[in-house]
Structures are given as structure tokens and as C-alpha cells.
């Protein structure tokens, strides 16, 4: 229904490749969840906005940054 209404669908809580594969077969193109990246500190997000510029976020409605590997 969302595709027919030309809505952008974002599947949340995706944690493994099997879930991603299923969503791809259903036509879902946008996901978020631990498969992509763990939660990030607010200062990390702020740094990325300053690095990439707010215009990118305003234009696309989102921003994509590579996942950060925790080295603790």
C-alpha cells in the first residue's frame, strides 16, 4: 500500500541478514537497526553533520555514514 501511495517505508529493528533479505523481496529499500549501526552518541552525529554539511541532510531527508566499530 505504501508503495502505491509513493511513501518512503523505513523498516526498523533489522538485526540480521535474513531479515534484510526478506525485506528486499518485499520491496523495502530503507532500513535501520543494529545490522547497519549501533546507536550513536549525539556528539558523533553532530560531528558528522559538521563534516558533511546540513544541506545534504536537508536535501535527502537522511544521511548515510559508515557503521562505527566499537573498539572497547
PDB file of N, CA and C in Angstrom:
ATOM      1  N   UNK A   1       0.821  -1.174   0.000  1.00  0.00           N
ATOM      2  CA  UNK A   1       0.000   0.000   0.000  1.00  0.00           C
ATOM      3  C   UNK A   1       0.879   1.257   0.000  1.00  0.00           C
ATOM      4  N   UNK A   2       1.940   1.244   0.819  1.00  0.00           N
ATOM      5  CA  UNK A   2       2.822   2.414   0.890  1.00  0.00           C
ATOM      6  C   UNK A   2       3.459   2.702  -0.465  1.00  0.00           C
ATOM      7  N   UNK A   3       3.846   1.652  -1.179  1.00  0.00           N
ATOM      8  CA  UNK A   3       4.444   1.860  -2.495  1.00  0.00           C
ATOM      9  C   UNK A   3       3.445   2.488  -3.457  1.00  0.00           C
ATOM     10  N   UNK A   4       2.193   2.033  -3.405  1.00  0.00           N
ATOM     11  CA  UNK A   4       1.165   2.617  -4.271  1.00  0.00           C
ATOM     12  C   UNK A   4       0.899   4.077  -3.926  1.00  0.00           C
ATOM     13  N   UNK A   5       1.085   4.444  -2.665  1.00  0.00           N
ATOM     14  CA  UNK A   5       0.897   5.827  -2.236  1.00  0.00           C
ATOM     15  C   UNK A   5       2.175   6.648  -2.376  1.00  0.00           C
ATOM     16  N   UNK A   6       3.228   6.009  -2.913  1.00  0.00           N
ATOM     17  CA  UNK A   6       4.527   6.651  -3.104  1.00  0.00           C
ATOM     18  C   UNK A   6       5.117   7.184  -1.796  1.00  0.00           C
ATOM     19  N   UNK A   7       4.935   6.392  -0.726  1.00  0.00           N
ATOM     20  CA  UNK A   7       5.508   6.731   0.573  1.00  0.00           C
ATOM     21  C   UNK A   7       6.840   6.012   0.741  1.00  0.00           C
ATOM     22  N   UNK A   8       7.736   6.641   1.442  1.00  0.00           N
ATOM     23  CA  UNK A   8       9.020   6.015   1.761  1.00  0.00           C
ATOM     24  C   UNK A   8       8.816   5.152   3.006  1.00  0.00           C
ATOM     25  N   UNK A   9       9.131   3.882   2.892  1.00  0.00           N
ATOM     26  CA  UNK A   9       8.977   2.941   4.002  1.00  0.00           C
ATOM     27  C   UNK A   9      10.347   2.674   4.602  1.00  0.00           C
ATOM     28  N   UNK A  10      10.446   2.814   5.923  1.00  0.00           N
ATOM     29  CA  UNK A  10      11.678   2.511   6.637  1.00  0.00           C
ATOM     30  C   UNK A  10      11.365   1.391   7.624  1.00  0.00           C
ATOM     31  N   UNK A  11      11.992   0.240   7.403  1.00  0.00           N
ATOM     32  CA  UNK A  11      11.825  -0.879   8.329  1.00  0.00           C
ATOM     33  C   UNK A  11      12.809  -0.685   9.481  1.00  0.00           C
ATOM     34  N   UNK A  12      12.310  -0.794  10.696  1.00  0.00           N
ATOM     35  CA  UNK A  12      13.137  -0.570  11.885  1.00  0.00           C
ATOM     36  C   UNK A  12      13.444  -1.883  12.582  1.00  0.00           C
ATOM     37  N   UNK A  13      14.544  -1.885  13.324  1.00  0.00           N
ATOM     38  CA  UNK A  13      14.890  -3.036  14.155  1.00  0.00           C
ATOM     39  C   UNK A  13      15.511  -4.194  13.400  1.00  0.00           C
ATOM     40  N   UNK A  14      16.125  -3.931  12.250  1.00  0.00           N
ATOM     41  CA  UNK A  14      16.722  -5.002  11.453  1.00  0.00           C
ATOM     42  C   UNK A  14      18.057  -5.390  12.080  1.00  0.00           C
ATOM     43  N   UNK A  15      18.174  -6.666  12.451  1.00  0.00           N
ATOM     44  CA  UNK A  15      19.359  -7.122  13.174  1.00  0.00           C
ATOM     45  C   UNK A  15      20.165  -8.179  12.452  1.00  0.00           C
ATOM     46  N   UNK A  16      19.602  -8.818  11.410  1.00  0.00           N
ATOM     47  CA  UNK A  16      20.371  -9.861  10.734  1.00  0.00           C
ATOM     48  C   UNK A  16      20.071  -9.880   9.238  1.00  0.00           C
ATOM     49  N   UNK A  17      20.927 -10.589   8.501  1.00  0.00           N
ATOM     50  CA  UNK A  17      20.839 -10.616   7.046  1.00  0.00           C
ATOM     51  C   UNK A  17      19.554 -11.282   6.561  1.00  0.00           C
ATOM     52  N   UNK A  18      19.053 -12.255   7.281  1.00  0.00           N
ATOM     53  CA  UNK A  18      17.814 -12.916   6.874  1.00  0.00           C
ATOM     54  C   UNK A  18      16.651 -11.929   6.846  1.00  0.00           C
ATOM     55  N   UNK A  19      16.583 -11.061   7.856  1.00  0.00           N
ATOM     56  CA  UNK A  19      15.542 -10.039   7.876  1.00  0.00           C
ATOM     57  C   UNK A  19      15.706  -9.094   6.692  1.00  0.00           C
ATOM     58  N   UNK A  20      16.940  -8.697   6.405  1.00  0.00           N
ATOM     59  CA  UNK A  20      17.218  -7.815   5.281  1.00  0.00           C
ATOM     60  C   UNK A  20      16.795  -8.464   3.964  1.00  0.00           C
ATOM     61  N   UNK A  21      17.139  -9.719   3.781  1.00  0.00           N
ATOM     62  CA  UNK A  21      16.770 -10.430   2.556  1.00  0.00           C
ATOM     63  C   UNK A  21      15.257 -10.484   2.374  1.00  0.00           C
ATOM     64  N   UNK A  22      14.527 -10.761   3.448  1.00  0.00           N
ATOM     65  CA  UNK A  22      13.070 -10.805   3.375  1.00  0.00           C
ATOM     66  C   UNK A  22      12.513  -9.437   2.981  1.00  0.00           C
ATOM     67  N   UNK A  23      13.019  -8.391   3.601  1.00  0.00           N
ATOM     68  CA  UNK A  23      12.533  -7.048   3.294  1.00  0.00           C
ATOM     69  C   UNK A  23      12.821  -6.667   1.850  1.00  0.00           C
ATOM     70  N   UNK A  24      13.968  -7.079   1.339  1.00  0.00           N
ATOM     71  CA  UNK A  24      14.278  -6.802  -0.076  1.00  0.00           C
ATOM     72  C   UNK A  24      13.270  -7.469  -0.993  1.00  0.00           C
ATOM     73  N   UNK A  25      12.876  -8.709  -0.673  1.00  0.00           N
ATOM     74  CA  UNK A  25      11.886  -9.397  -1.514  1.00  0.00           C
ATOM     75  C   UNK A  25      10.531  -8.701  -1.454  1.00  0.00           C
ATOM     76  N   UNK A  26      10.268  -7.995  -0.354  1.00  0.00           N
ATOM     77  CA  UNK A  26       9.012  -7.259  -0.206  1.00  0.00           C
ATOM     78  C   UNK A  26       9.085  -5.857  -0.800  1.00  0.00           C
ATOM     79  N   UNK A  27      10.269  -5.464  -1.290  1.00  0.00           N
ATOM     80  CA  UNK A  27      10.417  -4.170  -1.927  1.00  0.00           C
ATOM     81  C   UNK A  27      10.799  -3.028  -1.004  1.00  0.00           C
ATOM     82  N   UNK A  28      11.147  -3.350   0.249  1.00  0.00           N
ATOM     83  CA  UNK A  28      11.555  -2.300   1.189  1.00  0.00           C
ATOM     84  C   UNK A  28      12.991  -1.902   0.870  1.00  0.00           C
ATOM     85  N   UNK A  29      13.231  -0.601   0.684  1.00  0.00           N
ATOM     86  CA  UNK A  29      14.550  -0.125   0.279  1.00  0.00           C
ATOM     87  C   UNK A  29      15.306   0.581   1.397  1.00  0.00           C
ATOM     88  N   UNK A  30      14.632   0.967   2.472  1.00  0.00           N
ATOM     89  CA  UNK A  30      15.271   1.732   3.543  1.00  0.00           C
ATOM     90  C   UNK A  30      15.089   0.990   4.859  1.00  0.00           C
ATOM     91  N   UNK A  31      16.220   0.789   5.554  1.00  0.00           N
ATOM     92  CA  UNK A  31      16.156   0.088   6.833  1.00  0.00           C
ATOM     93  C   UNK A  31      16.992   0.828   7.866  1.00  0.00           C
ATOM     94  N   UNK A  32      16.726   0.503   9.103  1.00  0.00           N
ATOM     95  CA  UNK A  32      17.590   0.939  10.186  1.00  0.00           C
ATOM     96  C   UNK A  32      17.590  -0.158  11.236  1.00  0.00           C
ATOM     97  N   UNK A  33      18.651  -0.208  11.996  1.00  0.00           N
ATOM     98  CA  UNK A  33      18.758  -1.222  13.034  1.00  0.00           C
ATOM     99  C   UNK A  33      20.202  -1.590  13.272  1.00  0.00           C
ATOM    100  N   UNK A  34      20.418  -2.512  14.183  1.00  0.00           N
ATOM    101  CA  UNK A  34      21.766  -2.912  14.576  1.00  0.00           C
ATOM    102  C   UNK A  34      22.550  -3.535  13.431  1.00  0.00           C
ATOM    103  N   UNK A  35      21.884  -4.072  12.420  1.00  0.00           N
ATOM    104  CA  UNK A  35      22.603  -4.598  11.264  1.00  0.00           C
ATOM    105  C   UNK A  35      23.404  -3.496  10.584  1.00  0.00           C
ATOM    106  N   UNK A  36      22.882  -2.287  10.586  1.00  0.00           N
ATOM    107  CA  UNK A  36      23.542  -1.137   9.961  1.00  0.00           C
ATOM    108  C   UNK A  36      24.488  -0.467  10.943  1.00  0.00           C
ATOM    109  N   UNK A  37      24.010  -0.139  12.123  1.00  0.00           N
ATOM    110  CA  UNK A  37      24.844   0.560  13.097  1.00  0.00           C
ATOM    111  C   UNK A  37      24.185   0.521  14.466  1.00  0.00           C
ATOM    112  N   UNK A  38      24.990   0.409  15.475  1.00  0.00           N
ATOM    113  CA  UNK A  38      24.510   0.557  16.849  1.00  0.00           C
ATOM    114  C   UNK A  38      24.148   2.015  17.085  1.00  0.00           C
ATOM    115  N   UNK A  39      23.452   2.282  18.138  1.00  0.00           N
ATOM    116  CA  UNK A  39      23.126   3.660  18.492  1.00  0.00           C
ATOM    117  C   UNK A  39      24.404   4.469  18.630  1.00  0.00           C
ATOM    118  N   UNK A  40      24.324   5.736  18.259  1.00  0.00           N
ATOM    119  CA  UNK A  40      25.492   6.602  18.284  1.00  0.00           C
ATOM    120  C   UNK A  40      25.301   7.727  19.291  1.00  0.00           C
ATOM    121  N   UNK A  41      26.407   8.206  19.843  1.00  0.00           N
ATOM    122  CA  UNK A  41      26.372   9.350  20.748  1.00  0.00           C
ATOM    123  C   UNK A  41      25.956  10.597  19.968  1.00  0.00           C
ATOM    124  N   UNK A  42      25.308  11.525  20.626  1.00  0.00           N
ATOM    125  CA  UNK A  42      24.845  12.735  19.952  1.00  0.00           C
ATOM    126  C   UNK A  42      26.006  13.563  19.421  1.00  0.00           C
ATOM    127  N   UNK A  43      27.148  13.571  20.128  1.00  0.00           N
ATOM    128  CA  UNK A  43      28.273  14.356  19.616  1.00  0.00           C
ATOM    129  C   UNK A  43      28.855  13.735  18.345  1.00  0.00           C
ATOM    130  N   UNK A  44      28.754  12.419  18.160  1.00  0.00           N
ATOM    131  CA  UNK A  44      29.181  11.777  16.919  1.00  0.00           C
ATOM    132  C   UNK A  44      28.311  12.269  15.765  1.00  0.00           C
ATOM    133  N   UNK A  45      27.005  12.295  15.983  1.00  0.00           N
ATOM    134  CA  UNK A  45      26.089  12.758  14.934  1.00  0.00           C
ATOM    135  C   UNK A  45      26.371  14.217  14.607  1.00  0.00           C
ATOM    136  N   UNK A  46      26.591  15.027  15.636  1.00  0.00           N
ATOM    137  CA  UNK A  46      26.915  16.433  15.415  1.00  0.00           C
ATOM    138  C   UNK A  46      28.179  16.594  14.589  1.00  0.00           C
ATOM    139  N   UNK A  47      29.203  15.800  14.882  1.00  0.00           N
ATOM    140  CA  UNK A  47      30.450  15.860  14.116  1.00  0.00           C
ATOM    141  C   UNK A  47      30.205  15.507  12.654  1.00  0.00           C
ATOM    142  N   UNK A  48      29.385  14.493  12.399  1.00  0.00           N
ATOM    143  CA  UNK A  48      29.095  14.096  11.024  1.00  0.00           C
ATOM    144  C   UNK A  48      28.331  15.186  10.280  1.00  0.00           C
ATOM    145  N   UNK A  49      27.416  15.847  10.967  1.00  0.00           N
ATOM    146  CA  UNK A  49      26.677  16.942  10.328  1.00  0.00           C
ATOM    147  C   UNK A  49      27.643  18.055   9.936  1.00  0.00           C
ATOM    148  N   UNK A  50      28.573  18.393  10.823  1.00  0.00           N
ATOM    149  CA  UNK A  50      29.557  19.435  10.503  1.00  0.00           C
ATOM    150  C   UNK A  50      30.482  18.995   9.366  1.00  0.00           C
ATOM    151  N   UNK A  51      30.869  17.719   9.347  1.00  0.00           N
ATOM    152  CA  UNK A  51      31.751  17.224   8.287  1.00  0.00           C
ATOM    153  C   UNK A  51      31.066  17.221   6.923  1.00  0.00           C
ATOM    154  N   UNK A  52      29.819  16.739   6.878  1.00  0.00           N
ATOM    155  CA  UNK A  52      29.121  16.540   5.606  1.00  0.00           C
ATOM    156  C   UNK A  52      28.188  17.686   5.244  1.00  0.00           C
ATOM    157  N   UNK A  53      27.904  18.543   6.195  1.00  0.00           N
ATOM    158  CA  UNK A  53      27.042  19.689   5.935  1.00  0.00           C
ATOM    159  C   UNK A  53      25.569  19.369   6.124  1.00  0.00           C
ATOM    160  N   UNK A  54      24.863  20.319   6.633  1.00  0.00           N
ATOM    161  CA  UNK A  54      23.426  20.158   6.877  1.00  0.00           C
ATOM    162  C   UNK A  54      22.636  20.116   5.573  1.00  0.00           C
ATOM    163  N   UNK A  55      23.179  20.695   4.504  1.00  0.00           N
ATOM    164  CA  UNK A  55      22.461  20.706   3.228  1.00  0.00           C
ATOM    165  C   UNK A  55      22.202  19.303   2.715  1.00  0.00           C
ATOM    166  N   UNK A  56      23.161  18.389   2.928  1.00  0.00           N
ATOM    167  CA  UNK A  56      22.976  17.012   2.492  1.00  0.00           C
ATOM    168  C   UNK A  56      21.776  16.385   3.198  1.00  0.00           C
ATOM    169  N   UNK A  57      21.676  16.613   4.485  1.00  0.00           N
ATOM    170  CA  UNK A  57      20.569  16.052   5.257  1.00  0.00           C
ATOM    171  C   UNK A  57      19.252  16.692   4.833  1.00  0.00           C
ATOM    172  N   UNK A  58      19.246  18.002   4.658  1.00  0.00           N
ATOM    173  CA  UNK A  58      18.024  18.703   4.250  1.00  0.00           C
ATOM    174  C   UNK A  58      17.571  18.245   2.866  1.00  0.00           C
ATOM    175  N   UNK A  59      18.509  18.012   1.975  1.00  0.00           N
ATOM    176  CA  UNK A  59      18.174  17.609   0.606  1.00  0.00           C
ATOM    177  C   UNK A  59      17.625  16.187   0.547  1.00  0.00           C
ATOM    178  N   UNK A  60      18.283  15.268   1.235  1.00  0.00           N
ATOM    179  CA  UNK A  60      17.914  13.858   1.120  1.00  0.00           C
ATOM    180  C   UNK A  60      16.942  13.394   2.196  1.00  0.00           C
ATOM    181  N   UNK A  61      16.814  14.172   3.287  1.00  0.00           N
ATOM    182  CA  UNK A  61      15.959  13.736   4.385  1.00  0.00           C
ATOM    183  C   UNK A  61      16.636  12.729   5.286  1.00  0.00           C
ATOM    184  N   UNK A  62      17.847  12.392   4.946  1.00  0.00           N
ATOM    185  CA  UNK A  62      18.596  11.424   5.740  1.00  0.00           C
ATOM    186  C   UNK A  62      20.078  11.621   5.467  1.00  0.00           C
ATOM    187  N   UNK A  63      20.874  10.898   6.148  1.00  0.00           N
ATOM    188  CA  UNK A  63      22.299  10.892   5.853  1.00  0.00           C
ATOM    189  C   UNK A  63      22.815   9.499   6.123  1.00  0.00           C
ATOM    190  N   UNK A  64      23.745   9.067   5.330  1.00  0.00           N
ATOM    191  CA  UNK A  64      24.282   7.723   5.481  1.00  0.00           C
ATOM    192  C   UNK A  64      25.754   7.826   5.810  1.00  0.00           C
ATOM    193  N   UNK A  65      26.117   7.228   6.909  1.00  0.00           N
ATOM    194  CA  UNK A  65      27.504   7.195   7.342  1.00  0.00           C
ATOM    195  C   UNK A  65      27.883   5.755   7.597  1.00  0.00           C
ATOM    196  N   UNK A  66      29.131   5.392   7.346  1.00  0.00           N
ATOM    197  CA  UNK A  66      29.527   4.003   7.598  1.00  0.00           C
ATOM    198  C   UNK A  66      29.395   3.660   9.077  1.00  0.00           C
ATOM    199  N   UNK A  67      29.031   2.411   9.364  1.00  0.00           N
ATOM    200  CA  UNK A  67      28.910   1.995  10.781  1.00  0.00           C
ATOM    201  C   UNK A  67      30.229   2.177  11.510  1.00  0.00           C
ATOM    202  N   UNK A  68      30.135   2.510  12.769  1.00  0.00           N
ATOM    203  CA  UNK A  68      31.317   2.671  13.600  1.00  0.00           C
ATOM    204  C   UNK A  68      31.551   1.379  14.376  1.00  0.00           C
ATOM    205  N   UNK A  69      32.760   0.872  14.323  1.00  0.00           N
ATOM    206  CA  UNK A  69      33.102  -0.343  15.055  1.00  0.00           C
ATOM    207  C   UNK A  69      33.584   0.061  16.437  1.00  0.00           C
ATOM    208  N   UNK A  70      32.891  -0.454  17.449  1.00  0.00           N
ATOM    209  CA  UNK A  70      33.297  -0.150  18.828  1.00  0.00           C
ATOM    210  C   UNK A  70      34.601  -0.869  19.136  1.00  0.00           C
ATOM    211  N   UNK A  71      35.577  -0.108  19.567  1.00  0.00           N
ATOM    212  CA  UNK A  71      36.862  -0.694  19.930  1.00  0.00           C
ATOM    213  C   UNK A  71      37.097  -0.521  21.415  1.00  0.00           C
ATOM    214  N   UNK A  72      36.273  -1.225  22.215  1.00  0.00           N
ATOM    215  CA  UNK A  72      36.399  -1.094  23.666  1.00  0.00           C
ATOM    216  C   UNK A  72      37.114  -2.263  24.273  1.00  0.00           C
TER     217      UNK A  72
END
